[in-house]
Every structure is written in C-alpha cells, then in structure tokens.
Amino acid sequence: MLLQKGFSLLEVGAALLILGLAVTSIFQFISSTTLSAFDLEERAYARQIANNRLALAQTLEPMIGINERDGQIDFGGKTFFWSESIIQGQGSDQMNEIRILVSKNQQVALYELRVFIEKK
C-alpha cells in the first residue's frame, strides 16, 4: 500500500481561511488604532488652543464691550477654528461665563471649554 504524505486541499483551504481572517483582524486593529491616535492628537491640539485663548481673554485680549468673537489659527501644521462667547452674570452674581469652542471644520466642536471668571 502506498502512503500519501502532506496536506489535503481541504486542509490547505481551511488554513488559508484562518490565516486570512487573522490578517484582516490585525489590519483592522492597526487601522483603528492609527485613526484613534490622529483623533487624540487633534483633541489635544484643540484643548491647548482653548487654554491659550482663555489666557489671552484674561490678559492681552479682554472681551470688553463684545459678547462673541471667532477666528482661525494654524497649530501643529493644521488649521483650527475657534469661537469665544461671554455670558454676563445677572444681578448680584459676580461671575461671567466664557465659552470657547475649537473645531476643525466650523461644524463639529473638537473641544469645548467653559469657565467662570470674576467680573471686573
């Protein structure tokens, strides 16, 4: 009797199917991790821009006589849009609310900063 050594076509097909599924899932994991890293980087930039805008609003560019302003800034090689608004405290309330939004496309905010500052 002749002994045959090796794998059958069915075994090779099953092995290729398993290998294909594993490679596909690894590729999807790497792809989603990369996209998450880019998103996290943009959110970190947006947070830094909002903190910088708050510092400017409290020092060099106070919002005197205006309630809203907006603009754009290049930061980290990317263009971001920001908008600031101030909500005056009512009556004996000694605080004003400043709201700063930072976005990439003027539609969806990446970061929102809301703080209360003392009236001057």
N, C-alpha and C. Protein backbone atom coordinates (compact mmCIF):
# COMPACT_ATOMS: atom_id res chain seq x y z
N MET A 1 0.82 -1.17 0.00
CA MET A 1 0.00 0.00 0.00
C MET A 1 0.87 1.25 0.00
N LEU A 2 0.42 2.23 -0.73
CA LEU A 2 1.16 3.47 -0.89
C LEU A 2 0.67 4.50 0.13
N LEU A 3 1.57 5.03 0.96
CA LEU A 3 1.20 6.07 1.94
C LEU A 3 1.38 7.44 1.30
N GLN A 4 0.39 8.29 1.48
CA GLN A 4 0.49 9.64 0.95
C GLN A 4 0.77 10.60 2.10
N LYS A 5 1.79 11.41 1.93
CA LYS A 5 2.16 12.39 2.95
C LYS A 5 1.80 13.78 2.45
N GLY A 6 1.50 14.70 3.40
CA GLY A 6 1.17 16.07 3.04
C GLY A 6 -0.25 16.42 3.44
N PHE A 7 -0.67 17.60 3.03
CA PHE A 7 -1.98 18.11 3.39
C PHE A 7 -2.94 17.96 2.23
N SER A 8 -4.17 17.74 2.57
CA SER A 8 -5.19 17.67 1.52
C SER A 8 -5.61 19.09 1.13
N LEU A 9 -6.27 19.19 0.03
CA LEU A 9 -6.73 20.50 -0.45
C LEU A 9 -7.68 21.15 0.55
N LEU A 10 -8.49 20.39 1.21
CA LEU A 10 -9.42 20.91 2.21
C LEU A 10 -8.67 21.48 3.41
N GLU A 11 -7.64 20.81 3.86
CA GLU A 11 -6.85 21.30 5.00
C GLU A 11 -6.12 22.60 4.64
N VAL A 12 -5.57 22.66 3.44
CA VAL A 12 -4.88 23.88 3.00
C VAL A 12 -5.88 25.04 2.89
N GLY A 13 -7.06 24.77 2.37
CA GLY A 13 -8.10 25.81 2.27
C GLY A 13 -8.52 26.33 3.63
N ALA A 14 -8.71 25.44 4.60
CA ALA A 14 -9.09 25.86 5.96
C ALA A 14 -7.98 26.68 6.60
N ALA A 15 -6.74 26.26 6.39
CA ALA A 15 -5.61 27.02 6.96
C ALA A 15 -5.53 28.42 6.34
N LEU A 16 -5.73 28.54 5.04
CA LEU A 16 -5.71 29.85 4.38
C LEU A 16 -6.87 30.73 4.86
N LEU A 17 -8.03 30.13 5.08
CA LEU A 17 -9.17 30.89 5.59
C LEU A 17 -8.87 31.45 6.97
N ILE A 18 -8.31 30.62 7.85
CA ILE A 18 -7.97 31.08 9.20
C ILE A 18 -6.90 32.17 9.14
N LEU A 19 -5.89 31.97 8.31
CA LEU A 19 -4.82 32.98 8.17
C LEU A 19 -5.39 34.30 7.63
N GLY A 20 -6.29 34.22 6.65
CA GLY A 20 -6.90 35.43 6.09
C GLY A 20 -7.71 36.19 7.12
N LEU A 21 -8.47 35.46 7.93
CA LEU A 21 -9.26 36.13 8.98
C LEU A 21 -8.35 36.80 10.01
N ALA A 22 -7.26 36.13 10.37
CA ALA A 22 -6.34 36.70 11.35
C ALA A 22 -5.66 37.96 10.80
N VAL A 23 -5.20 37.92 9.56
CA VAL A 23 -4.54 39.08 8.96
C VAL A 23 -5.53 40.24 8.84
N THR A 24 -6.76 39.96 8.44
CA THR A 24 -7.77 41.01 8.32
C THR A 24 -8.06 41.66 9.67
N SER A 25 -8.20 40.87 10.70
CA SER A 25 -8.50 41.45 12.02
C SER A 25 -7.31 42.25 12.54
N ILE A 26 -6.10 41.81 12.29
CA ILE A 26 -4.91 42.57 12.72
C ILE A 26 -4.84 43.89 11.95
N PHE A 27 -5.12 43.87 10.66
CA PHE A 27 -5.11 45.10 9.87
C PHE A 27 -6.17 46.08 10.37
N GLN A 28 -7.36 45.60 10.69
CA GLN A 28 -8.41 46.48 11.21
C GLN A 28 -8.01 47.08 12.56
N PHE A 29 -7.39 46.29 13.39
CA PHE A 29 -6.93 46.79 14.69
C PHE A 29 -5.89 47.89 14.52
N ILE A 30 -4.92 47.68 13.65
CA ILE A 30 -3.88 48.70 13.41
C ILE A 30 -4.49 49.95 12.81
N SER A 31 -5.42 49.78 11.88
CA SER A 31 -6.08 50.93 11.25
C SER A 31 -6.87 51.75 12.26
N SER A 32 -7.65 51.10 13.10
CA SER A 32 -8.45 51.84 14.09
C SER A 32 -7.55 52.49 15.14
N THR A 33 -6.46 51.86 15.49
CA THR A 33 -5.52 52.46 16.44
C THR A 33 -4.88 53.71 15.86
N THR A 34 -4.53 53.66 14.59
CA THR A 34 -3.93 54.82 13.94
C THR A 34 -4.92 55.97 13.87
N LEU A 35 -6.17 55.68 13.49
CA LEU A 35 -7.19 56.74 13.43
C LEU A 35 -7.44 57.33 14.81
N SER A 36 -7.45 56.50 15.84
CA SER A 36 -7.65 56.99 17.20
C SER A 36 -6.50 57.89 17.63
N ALA A 37 -5.29 57.54 17.23
CA ALA A 37 -4.13 58.37 17.57
C ALA A 37 -4.23 59.74 16.92
N PHE A 38 -4.65 59.79 15.65
CA PHE A 38 -4.81 61.08 14.97
C PHE A 38 -5.92 61.91 15.63
N ASP A 39 -7.02 61.26 15.99
CA ASP A 39 -8.12 61.96 16.65
C ASP A 39 -7.67 62.50 18.01
N LEU A 40 -6.93 61.71 18.74
CA LEU A 40 -6.43 62.13 20.05
C LEU A 40 -5.48 63.31 19.91
N GLU A 41 -4.64 63.30 18.89
CA GLU A 41 -3.72 64.40 18.65
C GLU A 41 -4.48 65.69 18.37
N GLU A 42 -5.52 65.61 17.51
CA GLU A 42 -6.31 66.80 17.20
C GLU A 42 -7.02 67.33 18.44
N ARG A 43 -7.54 66.44 19.27
CA ARG A 43 -8.21 66.89 20.50
C ARG A 43 -7.23 67.54 21.47
N ALA A 44 -6.02 67.02 21.54
CA ALA A 44 -5.00 67.63 22.40
C ALA A 44 -4.63 69.02 21.89
N TYR A 45 -4.49 69.17 20.57
CA TYR A 45 -4.23 70.49 20.00
C TYR A 45 -5.38 71.44 20.29
N ALA A 46 -6.62 70.96 20.14
CA ALA A 46 -7.79 71.80 20.38
C ALA A 46 -7.84 72.25 21.85
N ARG A 47 -7.52 71.36 22.77
CA ARG A 47 -7.50 71.73 24.18
C ARG A 47 -6.45 72.81 24.45
N GLN A 48 -5.28 72.67 23.83
CA GLN A 48 -4.23 73.67 24.02
C GLN A 48 -4.64 75.02 23.44
N ILE A 49 -5.28 75.00 22.28
CA ILE A 49 -5.75 76.25 21.68
C ILE A 49 -6.78 76.93 22.58
N ALA A 50 -7.72 76.15 23.13
CA ALA A 50 -8.73 76.72 24.03
C ALA A 50 -8.08 77.32 25.27
N ASN A 51 -7.12 76.64 25.84
CA ASN A 51 -6.42 77.19 27.01
C ASN A 51 -5.66 78.45 26.66
N ASN A 52 -5.04 78.49 25.48
CA ASN A 52 -4.35 79.70 25.04
C ASN A 52 -5.32 80.85 24.84
N ARG A 53 -6.49 80.57 24.23
CA ARG A 53 -7.48 81.62 24.02
C ARG A 53 -8.00 82.15 25.36
N LEU A 54 -8.19 81.27 26.34
CA LEU A 54 -8.63 81.71 27.66
C LEU A 54 -7.58 82.63 28.30
N ALA A 55 -6.32 82.26 28.20
CA ALA A 55 -5.26 83.10 28.76
C ALA A 55 -5.23 84.46 28.07
N LEU A 56 -5.42 84.48 26.75
CA LEU A 56 -5.46 85.76 26.04
C LEU A 56 -6.67 86.59 26.45
N ALA A 57 -7.82 85.95 26.63
CA ALA A 57 -9.03 86.67 27.03
C ALA A 57 -8.87 87.28 28.42
N GLN A 58 -8.07 86.68 29.25
CA GLN A 58 -7.88 87.19 30.60
C GLN A 58 -6.76 88.22 30.69
N THR A 59 -5.91 88.30 29.67
CA THR A 59 -4.76 89.21 29.75
C THR A 59 -4.72 90.21 28.60
N LEU A 60 -4.24 89.80 27.46
CA LEU A 60 -3.96 90.72 26.36
C LEU A 60 -5.16 91.10 25.52
N GLU A 61 -6.16 90.22 25.42
CA GLU A 61 -7.32 90.47 24.56
C GLU A 61 -8.62 90.33 25.36
N PRO A 62 -8.83 91.18 26.35
CA PRO A 62 -10.07 91.04 27.14
C PRO A 62 -11.30 91.34 26.27
N MET A 63 -12.40 90.68 26.62
CA MET A 63 -13.64 90.84 25.86
C MET A 63 -14.43 92.00 26.45
N ILE A 64 -14.00 93.19 26.16
CA ILE A 64 -14.66 94.39 26.67
C ILE A 64 -15.60 94.92 25.60
N GLY A 65 -16.88 94.99 25.93
CA GLY A 65 -17.87 95.54 25.01
C GLY A 65 -18.32 94.59 23.91
N ILE A 66 -17.81 93.37 23.89
CA ILE A 66 -18.26 92.40 22.89
C ILE A 66 -18.66 91.12 23.59
N ASN A 67 -19.59 90.40 22.99
CA ASN A 67 -20.05 89.14 23.58
C ASN A 67 -19.56 87.92 22.83
N GLU A 68 -19.16 88.10 21.56
CA GLU A 68 -18.71 86.96 20.76
C GLU A 68 -17.59 87.39 19.83
N ARG A 69 -16.71 86.45 19.55
CA ARG A 69 -15.69 86.63 18.52
C ARG A 69 -15.21 85.26 18.08
N ASP A 70 -14.64 85.22 16.87
CA ASP A 70 -14.15 83.95 16.35
C ASP A 70 -12.97 84.20 15.43
N GLY A 71 -12.34 83.12 15.04
CA GLY A 71 -11.18 83.22 14.17
C GLY A 71 -10.65 81.84 13.84
N GLN A 72 -9.48 81.84 13.23
CA GLN A 72 -8.82 80.58 12.93
C GLN A 72 -7.35 80.70 13.26
N ILE A 73 -6.74 79.54 13.48
CA ILE A 73 -5.34 79.51 13.87
C ILE A 73 -4.70 78.27 13.27
N ASP A 74 -3.46 78.40 12.85
CA ASP A 74 -2.67 77.25 12.41
C ASP A 74 -1.87 76.76 13.61
N PHE A 75 -2.04 75.51 13.94
CA PHE A 75 -1.41 74.95 15.14
C PHE A 75 -1.01 73.51 14.82
N GLY A 76 0.25 73.19 14.99
CA GLY A 76 0.72 71.84 14.72
C GLY A 76 0.60 71.45 13.25
N GLY A 77 0.68 72.42 12.36
CA GLY A 77 0.57 72.13 10.94
C GLY A 77 -0.86 71.94 10.46
N LYS A 78 -1.84 72.24 11.30
CA LYS A 78 -3.25 72.07 10.94
C LYS A 78 -3.99 73.38 11.23
N THR A 79 -5.09 73.59 10.52
CA THR A 79 -5.90 74.78 10.73
C THR A 79 -7.08 74.43 11.63
N PHE A 80 -7.26 75.24 12.67
CA PHE A 80 -8.37 75.07 13.60
C PHE A 80 -9.17 76.36 13.62
N PHE A 81 -10.47 76.22 13.87
CA PHE A 81 -11.36 77.37 14.01
C PHE A 81 -11.78 77.46 15.47
N TRP A 82 -11.84 78.67 15.99
CA TRP A 82 -12.24 78.87 17.38
C TRP A 82 -13.32 79.95 17.45
N SER A 83 -14.14 79.85 18.47
CA SER A 83 -15.12 80.90 18.74
C SER A 83 -15.23 81.06 20.25
N GLU A 84 -15.38 82.29 20.65
CA GLU A 84 -15.50 82.63 22.07
C GLU A 84 -16.79 83.40 22.30
N SER A 85 -17.44 83.13 23.38
CA SER A 85 -18.61 83.92 23.76
C SER A 85 -18.57 84.12 25.26
N ILE A 86 -19.10 85.26 25.67
CA ILE A 86 -19.16 85.56 27.10
C ILE A 86 -20.62 85.78 27.47
N ILE A 87 -21.01 85.17 28.56
CA ILE A 87 -22.37 85.31 29.08
C ILE A 87 -22.27 86.08 30.38
N GLN A 88 -22.85 87.26 30.39
CA GLN A 88 -22.77 88.13 31.56
C GLN A 88 -23.59 87.53 32.71
N GLY A 89 -23.00 87.55 33.90
CA GLY A 89 -23.72 87.13 35.09
C GLY A 89 -24.81 88.13 35.42
N GLN A 90 -25.92 87.68 35.94
CA GLN A 90 -27.07 88.54 36.22
C GLN A 90 -27.06 89.00 37.68
N GLY A 91 -27.47 90.24 37.88
CA GLY A 91 -27.70 90.77 39.23
C GLY A 91 -26.46 90.76 40.10
N SER A 92 -26.61 90.18 41.28
CA SER A 92 -25.52 90.20 42.24
C SER A 92 -24.47 89.12 41.95
N ASP A 93 -24.69 88.34 40.90
CA ASP A 93 -23.73 87.31 40.52
C ASP A 93 -22.44 87.99 40.09
N GLN A 94 -21.34 87.61 40.69
CA GLN A 94 -20.06 88.25 40.41
C GLN A 94 -19.24 87.52 39.36
N MET A 95 -19.88 86.61 38.62
CA MET A 95 -19.14 85.79 37.67
C MET A 95 -19.71 85.92 36.26
N ASN A 96 -18.83 85.91 35.27
CA ASN A 96 -19.19 85.82 33.86
C ASN A 96 -18.75 84.45 33.36
N GLU A 97 -19.51 83.88 32.45
CA GLU A 97 -19.14 82.60 31.85
C GLU A 97 -18.51 82.83 30.49
N ILE A 98 -17.36 82.24 30.28
CA ILE A 98 -16.71 82.28 28.97
C ILE A 98 -16.78 80.87 28.38
N ARG A 99 -17.23 80.79 27.14
CA ARG A 99 -17.34 79.51 26.43
C ARG A 99 -16.46 79.59 25.19
N ILE A 100 -15.53 78.67 25.07
CA ILE A 100 -14.61 78.62 23.94
C ILE A 100 -14.79 77.28 23.23
N LEU A 101 -15.08 77.34 21.94
CA LEU A 101 -15.22 76.15 21.10
C LEU A 101 -14.08 76.10 20.09
N VAL A 102 -13.48 74.93 19.92
CA VAL A 102 -12.42 74.75 18.92
C VAL A 102 -12.84 73.59 18.03
N SER A 103 -12.74 73.80 16.70
CA SER A 103 -13.16 72.76 15.76
C SER A 103 -12.22 72.75 14.56
N LYS A 104 -12.37 71.71 13.74
CA LYS A 104 -11.58 71.59 12.51
C LYS A 104 -12.33 72.12 11.30
N ASN A 105 -13.67 72.07 11.32
CA ASN A 105 -14.43 72.38 10.12
C ASN A 105 -15.59 73.33 10.37
N GLN A 106 -15.58 74.05 11.46
CA GLN A 106 -16.62 75.00 11.84
C GLN A 106 -17.99 74.36 12.03
N GLN A 107 -18.08 73.05 12.06
CA GLN A 107 -19.36 72.38 12.25
C GLN A 107 -19.40 71.64 13.59
N VAL A 108 -18.49 70.73 13.77
CA VAL A 108 -18.48 69.88 14.96
C VAL A 108 -17.30 70.28 15.84
N ALA A 109 -17.59 70.61 17.09
CA ALA A 109 -16.54 71.04 18.00
C ALA A 109 -15.69 69.86 18.44
N LEU A 110 -14.38 70.04 18.39
CA LEU A 110 -13.46 69.04 18.93
C LEU A 110 -13.33 69.19 20.44
N TYR A 111 -13.39 70.44 20.90
CA TYR A 111 -13.17 70.71 22.31
C TYR A 111 -13.99 71.93 22.71
N GLU A 112 -14.57 71.86 23.89
CA GLU A 112 -15.34 72.98 24.43
C GLU A 112 -14.83 73.26 25.83
N LEU A 113 -14.52 74.53 26.08
CA LEU A 113 -14.04 74.95 27.39
C LEU A 113 -15.02 75.97 27.94
N ARG A 114 -15.56 75.70 29.12
CA ARG A 114 -16.46 76.63 29.79
C ARG A 114 -15.86 76.95 31.15
N VAL A 115 -15.67 78.24 31.39
CA VAL A 115 -15.11 78.67 32.67
C VAL A 115 -15.89 79.88 33.17
N PHE A 116 -15.81 80.09 34.46
CA PHE A 116 -16.40 81.27 35.07
C PHE A 116 -15.27 82.15 35.56
N ILE A 117 -15.34 83.43 35.21
CA ILE A 117 -14.35 84.37 35.68
C ILE A 117 -15.05 85.51 36.41
N GLU A 118 -14.31 86.12 37.29
CA GLU A 118 -14.86 87.20 38.10
C GLU A 118 -15.07 88.45 37.26
N LYS A 119 -16.20 89.15 37.51
CA LYS A 119 -16.46 90.41 36.83
C LYS A 119 -15.43 91.44 37.31
N LYS A 120 -15.08 92.32 36.38
CA LYS A 120 -14.13 93.40 36.74
C LYS A 120 -14.83 94.72 36.66
